[in-house]
Amino acid sequence: QLNVRRIDFPPLSAGALRDIFVQLLQEKGLGLAAGAERAVDIQIEERRTQGGEEFDNAHAIRRLVDDVLHSHGVRVQNDRTLPTEAERIVTAEDVRNATATL
């Protein structure tokens, strides 16, 4: 006989998800620009709304990081005049331009 249980974890707050986002960026050797937190919060809330009942904290933040990394990479590659330090900073624009991947 199988006893199947479903464990529901409460959704994390936008602040907690932002902290995880920043930590994942740091693991990639990147930092978040001052003032970019609001753009991250907006992206999180948009994705939470789009995900509805199926929103998965961990999966959503990893996808957001991947999408932001892509946006950041495009910006850095297109601007060859950036100093090395600036290449390691994710801007609010990078976050706003991150499109959700399928």
N, C-alpha and C. Protein backbone atom coordinates (compact mmCIF):
# COMPACT_ATOMS: atom_id res chain seq x y z
N GLN A 1 0.84 -1.18 0.00
CA GLN A 1 0.00 0.00 0.00
C GLN A 1 0.89 1.25 0.00
N LEU A 2 0.53 2.18 -0.85
CA LEU A 2 1.28 3.42 -0.96
C LEU A 2 0.55 4.54 -0.25
N ASN A 3 1.27 5.23 0.57
CA ASN A 3 0.73 6.43 1.20
C ASN A 3 1.36 7.62 0.52
N VAL A 4 0.58 8.30 -0.26
CA VAL A 4 1.07 9.44 -1.01
C VAL A 4 0.67 10.71 -0.28
N ARG A 5 1.65 11.56 -0.08
CA ARG A 5 1.37 12.84 0.57
C ARG A 5 1.81 13.96 -0.35
N ARG A 6 1.07 15.00 -0.29
CA ARG A 6 1.45 16.20 -1.02
C ARG A 6 1.86 17.24 0.01
N ILE A 7 3.05 17.77 -0.20
CA ILE A 7 3.54 18.80 0.71
C ILE A 7 3.50 20.13 -0.03
N ASP A 8 2.73 21.05 0.48
CA ASP A 8 2.64 22.38 -0.11
C ASP A 8 3.50 23.34 0.71
N PHE A 9 4.40 24.01 0.01
CA PHE A 9 5.23 25.01 0.66
C PHE A 9 4.61 26.37 0.40
N PRO A 10 4.58 27.20 1.41
CA PRO A 10 4.00 28.53 1.20
C PRO A 10 4.88 29.34 0.25
N PRO A 11 4.28 30.20 -0.53
CA PRO A 11 5.09 31.02 -1.44
C PRO A 11 6.01 31.94 -0.66
N LEU A 12 7.20 32.11 -1.19
CA LEU A 12 8.15 33.04 -0.57
C LEU A 12 7.78 34.47 -0.94
N SER A 13 8.15 35.39 -0.10
CA SER A 13 7.88 36.81 -0.37
C SER A 13 8.76 37.28 -1.52
N ALA A 14 8.39 38.40 -2.11
CA ALA A 14 9.19 38.99 -3.19
C ALA A 14 10.59 39.30 -2.68
N GLY A 15 10.70 39.78 -1.44
CA GLY A 15 12.01 40.09 -0.87
C GLY A 15 12.88 38.86 -0.73
N ALA A 16 12.30 37.76 -0.28
CA ALA A 16 13.06 36.51 -0.15
C ALA A 16 13.49 35.99 -1.52
N LEU A 17 12.60 36.09 -2.50
CA LEU A 17 12.95 35.65 -3.85
C LEU A 17 14.02 36.54 -4.45
N ARG A 18 13.96 37.85 -4.17
CA ARG A 18 14.99 38.77 -4.65
C ARG A 18 16.34 38.41 -4.04
N ASP A 19 16.34 38.07 -2.74
CA ASP A 19 17.60 37.67 -2.09
C ASP A 19 18.20 36.43 -2.75
N ILE A 20 17.35 35.48 -3.09
CA ILE A 20 17.82 34.27 -3.78
C ILE A 20 18.36 34.64 -5.16
N PHE A 21 17.67 35.52 -5.85
CA PHE A 21 18.11 35.99 -7.16
C PHE A 21 19.51 36.60 -7.07
N VAL A 22 19.71 37.49 -6.11
CA VAL A 22 21.01 38.15 -5.93
C VAL A 22 22.09 37.12 -5.60
N GLN A 23 21.75 36.15 -4.76
CA GLN A 23 22.72 35.10 -4.40
C GLN A 23 23.12 34.30 -5.63
N LEU A 24 22.17 33.96 -6.47
CA LEU A 24 22.48 33.21 -7.69
C LEU A 24 23.34 34.03 -8.64
N LEU A 25 23.09 35.35 -8.71
CA LEU A 25 23.95 36.21 -9.52
C LEU A 25 25.37 36.20 -8.98
N GLN A 26 25.49 36.30 -7.66
CA GLN A 26 26.82 36.31 -7.04
C GLN A 26 27.57 35.02 -7.31
N GLU A 27 26.86 33.91 -7.35
CA GLU A 27 27.50 32.64 -7.67
C GLU A 27 28.06 32.64 -9.10
N LYS A 28 27.49 33.49 -9.95
CA LYS A 28 27.97 33.63 -11.33
C LYS A 28 29.03 34.72 -11.44
N GLY A 29 29.40 35.33 -10.32
CA GLY A 29 30.40 36.38 -10.32
C GLY A 29 29.86 37.74 -10.71
N LEU A 30 28.54 37.92 -10.58
CA LEU A 30 27.90 39.17 -10.96
C LEU A 30 27.25 39.82 -9.75
N GLY A 31 27.07 41.13 -9.85
CA GLY A 31 26.37 41.87 -8.81
C GLY A 31 25.19 42.61 -9.41
N LEU A 32 24.27 43.03 -8.56
CA LEU A 32 23.10 43.78 -8.99
C LEU A 32 23.36 45.26 -8.77
N ALA A 33 23.12 46.05 -9.78
CA ALA A 33 23.35 47.49 -9.69
C ALA A 33 22.44 48.11 -8.63
N ALA A 34 22.94 49.16 -8.02
CA ALA A 34 22.12 49.91 -7.06
C ALA A 34 20.87 50.41 -7.77
N GLY A 35 19.74 50.25 -7.12
CA GLY A 35 18.48 50.71 -7.69
C GLY A 35 17.80 49.70 -8.60
N ALA A 36 18.41 48.55 -8.84
CA ALA A 36 17.82 47.55 -9.74
C ALA A 36 16.86 46.60 -9.01
N GLU A 37 16.80 46.72 -7.69
CA GLU A 37 15.95 45.82 -6.91
C GLU A 37 14.48 45.92 -7.32
N ARG A 38 14.03 47.15 -7.61
CA ARG A 38 12.62 47.34 -8.00
C ARG A 38 12.31 46.60 -9.29
N ALA A 39 13.22 46.63 -10.25
CA ALA A 39 13.01 45.91 -11.51
C ALA A 39 12.91 44.41 -11.26
N VAL A 40 13.72 43.90 -10.33
CA VAL A 40 13.67 42.47 -9.98
C VAL A 40 12.31 42.15 -9.34
N ASP A 41 11.88 43.00 -8.41
CA ASP A 41 10.58 42.76 -7.75
C ASP A 41 9.44 42.75 -8.76
N ILE A 42 9.49 43.66 -9.73
CA ILE A 42 8.44 43.71 -10.76
C ILE A 42 8.46 42.44 -11.59
N GLN A 43 9.64 41.99 -12.00
CA GLN A 43 9.74 40.75 -12.78
C GLN A 43 9.18 39.56 -11.98
N ILE A 44 9.53 39.51 -10.70
CA ILE A 44 9.06 38.40 -9.86
C ILE A 44 7.53 38.41 -9.79
N GLU A 45 6.96 39.57 -9.54
CA GLU A 45 5.50 39.65 -9.42
C GLU A 45 4.81 39.34 -10.74
N GLU A 46 5.38 39.78 -11.86
CA GLU A 46 4.80 39.45 -13.17
C GLU A 46 4.83 37.95 -13.40
N ARG A 47 5.94 37.33 -13.08
CA ARG A 47 6.06 35.88 -13.28
C ARG A 47 5.17 35.11 -12.31
N ARG A 48 5.02 35.63 -11.10
CA ARG A 48 4.11 34.99 -10.13
C ARG A 48 2.68 35.05 -10.66
N THR A 49 2.29 36.20 -11.21
CA THR A 49 0.95 36.36 -11.76
C THR A 49 0.74 35.43 -12.95
N GLN A 50 1.72 35.37 -13.84
CA GLN A 50 1.62 34.51 -15.02
C GLN A 50 1.57 33.04 -14.63
N GLY A 51 2.31 32.67 -13.58
CA GLY A 51 2.37 31.28 -13.16
C GLY A 51 1.13 30.82 -12.41
N GLY A 52 0.45 31.76 -11.77
CA GLY A 52 -0.76 31.42 -11.02
C GLY A 52 -0.50 30.34 -9.99
N GLU A 53 -1.37 29.37 -9.96
CA GLU A 53 -1.27 28.27 -9.00
C GLU A 53 -0.03 27.40 -9.24
N GLU A 54 0.50 27.45 -10.45
CA GLU A 54 1.64 26.62 -10.81
C GLU A 54 2.97 27.30 -10.55
N PHE A 55 2.95 28.50 -9.97
CA PHE A 55 4.20 29.22 -9.72
C PHE A 55 5.07 28.40 -8.77
N ASP A 56 6.31 28.19 -9.17
CA ASP A 56 7.27 27.41 -8.39
C ASP A 56 8.42 28.34 -8.03
N ASN A 57 8.57 28.63 -6.75
CA ASN A 57 9.58 29.58 -6.27
C ASN A 57 10.95 29.33 -6.89
N ALA A 58 11.49 28.15 -6.68
CA ALA A 58 12.86 27.84 -7.10
C ALA A 58 13.00 27.87 -8.61
N HIS A 59 12.10 27.21 -9.29
CA HIS A 59 12.18 27.13 -10.75
C HIS A 59 12.02 28.52 -11.37
N ALA A 60 11.10 29.31 -10.87
CA ALA A 60 10.85 30.64 -11.42
C ALA A 60 12.08 31.54 -11.26
N ILE A 61 12.73 31.48 -10.12
CA ILE A 61 13.89 32.34 -9.91
C ILE A 61 15.07 31.88 -10.76
N ARG A 62 15.27 30.60 -10.88
CA ARG A 62 16.35 30.11 -11.76
C ARG A 62 16.11 30.53 -13.21
N ARG A 63 14.87 30.47 -13.65
CA ARG A 63 14.56 30.90 -15.02
C ARG A 63 14.75 32.40 -15.16
N LEU A 64 14.36 33.16 -14.14
CA LEU A 64 14.57 34.60 -14.18
C LEU A 64 16.06 34.92 -14.27
N VAL A 65 16.87 34.24 -13.49
CA VAL A 65 18.32 34.45 -13.55
C VAL A 65 18.83 34.13 -14.94
N ASP A 66 18.42 33.01 -15.51
CA ASP A 66 18.86 32.65 -16.86
C ASP A 66 18.45 33.72 -17.88
N ASP A 67 17.22 34.21 -17.77
CA ASP A 67 16.73 35.22 -18.70
C ASP A 67 17.51 36.53 -18.54
N VAL A 68 17.78 36.91 -17.30
CA VAL A 68 18.54 38.13 -17.05
C VAL A 68 19.99 37.97 -17.53
N LEU A 69 20.58 36.81 -17.32
CA LEU A 69 21.94 36.57 -17.80
C LEU A 69 22.01 36.72 -19.31
N HIS A 70 21.01 36.25 -20.00
CA HIS A 70 20.97 36.39 -21.46
C HIS A 70 20.90 37.87 -21.84
N SER A 71 19.99 38.60 -21.22
CA SER A 71 19.83 40.02 -21.49
C SER A 71 21.12 40.79 -21.18
N HIS A 72 21.73 40.46 -20.06
CA HIS A 72 22.99 41.09 -19.64
C HIS A 72 24.09 40.77 -20.65
N GLY A 73 24.17 39.53 -21.06
CA GLY A 73 25.20 39.12 -22.02
C GLY A 73 25.08 39.84 -23.35
N VAL A 74 23.86 40.01 -23.81
CA VAL A 74 23.64 40.74 -25.07
C VAL A 74 24.11 42.18 -24.92
N ARG A 75 23.75 42.82 -23.81
CA ARG A 75 24.15 44.21 -23.59
C ARG A 75 25.67 44.35 -23.53
N VAL A 76 26.31 43.49 -22.78
CA VAL A 76 27.77 43.55 -22.61
C VAL A 76 28.46 43.29 -23.95
N GLN A 77 27.99 42.32 -24.70
CA GLN A 77 28.62 42.00 -25.97
C GLN A 77 28.45 43.13 -26.98
N ASN A 78 27.33 43.83 -26.90
CA ASN A 78 27.09 44.92 -27.85
C ASN A 78 27.81 46.21 -27.49
N ASP A 79 28.32 46.32 -26.27
CA ASP A 79 29.02 47.53 -25.83
C ASP A 79 30.46 47.19 -25.48
N ARG A 80 31.30 47.24 -26.45
CA ARG A 80 32.72 46.88 -26.28
C ARG A 80 33.50 47.92 -25.47
N THR A 81 32.88 49.07 -25.15
CA THR A 81 33.58 50.12 -24.42
C THR A 81 33.45 49.99 -22.91
N LEU A 82 32.68 49.02 -22.45
CA LEU A 82 32.48 48.85 -21.01
C LEU A 82 33.77 48.42 -20.31
N PRO A 83 34.07 49.05 -19.19
CA PRO A 83 35.21 48.56 -18.40
C PRO A 83 34.86 47.20 -17.80
N THR A 84 35.87 46.43 -17.49
CA THR A 84 35.67 45.07 -16.97
C THR A 84 34.76 45.06 -15.74
N GLU A 85 34.93 46.02 -14.84
CA GLU A 85 34.10 46.06 -13.62
C GLU A 85 32.62 46.22 -13.98
N ALA A 86 32.33 47.03 -14.97
CA ALA A 86 30.94 47.27 -15.38
C ALA A 86 30.32 46.04 -16.02
N GLU A 87 31.14 45.20 -16.61
CA GLU A 87 30.63 43.97 -17.23
C GLU A 87 30.09 43.00 -16.20
N ARG A 88 30.51 43.16 -14.95
CA ARG A 88 30.07 42.24 -13.89
C ARG A 88 28.87 42.77 -13.11
N ILE A 89 28.25 43.83 -13.61
CA ILE A 89 27.10 44.41 -12.94
C ILE A 89 25.85 44.22 -13.79
N VAL A 90 24.81 43.66 -13.18
CA VAL A 90 23.52 43.50 -13.84
C VAL A 90 22.71 44.75 -13.53
N THR A 91 22.23 45.41 -14.58
CA THR A 91 21.50 46.66 -14.42
C THR A 91 19.99 46.42 -14.40
N ALA A 92 19.26 47.46 -14.00
CA ALA A 92 17.80 47.40 -14.04
C ALA A 92 17.32 47.17 -15.47
N GLU A 93 18.03 47.76 -16.42
CA GLU A 93 17.69 47.57 -17.83
C GLU A 93 17.83 46.09 -18.23
N ASP A 94 18.89 45.44 -17.76
CA ASP A 94 19.07 44.01 -18.03
C ASP A 94 17.87 43.22 -17.52
N VAL A 95 17.42 43.58 -16.32
CA VAL A 95 16.28 42.88 -15.71
C VAL A 95 15.00 43.17 -16.48
N ARG A 96 14.77 44.43 -16.82
CA ARG A 96 13.55 44.80 -17.56
C ARG A 96 13.51 44.15 -18.94
N ASN A 97 14.69 43.98 -19.56
CA ASN A 97 14.74 43.41 -20.91
C ASN A 97 14.74 41.88 -20.92
N ALA A 98 14.73 41.27 -19.76
CA ALA A 98 14.74 39.81 -19.68
C ALA A 98 13.36 39.27 -20.04
N THR A 99 13.31 38.56 -21.15
CA THR A 99 12.05 37.97 -21.57
C THR A 99 12.00 36.53 -21.09
N ALA A 100 10.85 36.15 -20.64
CA ALA A 100 10.67 34.77 -20.13
C ALA A 100 10.87 33.78 -21.26
N THR A 101 11.69 32.78 -21.01
CA THR A 101 11.90 31.73 -22.00
C THR A 101 10.81 30.68 -21.83
N LEU A 102 10.59 29.94 -22.88
CA LEU A 102 9.56 28.89 -22.84
C LEU A 102 10.09 27.63 -22.22
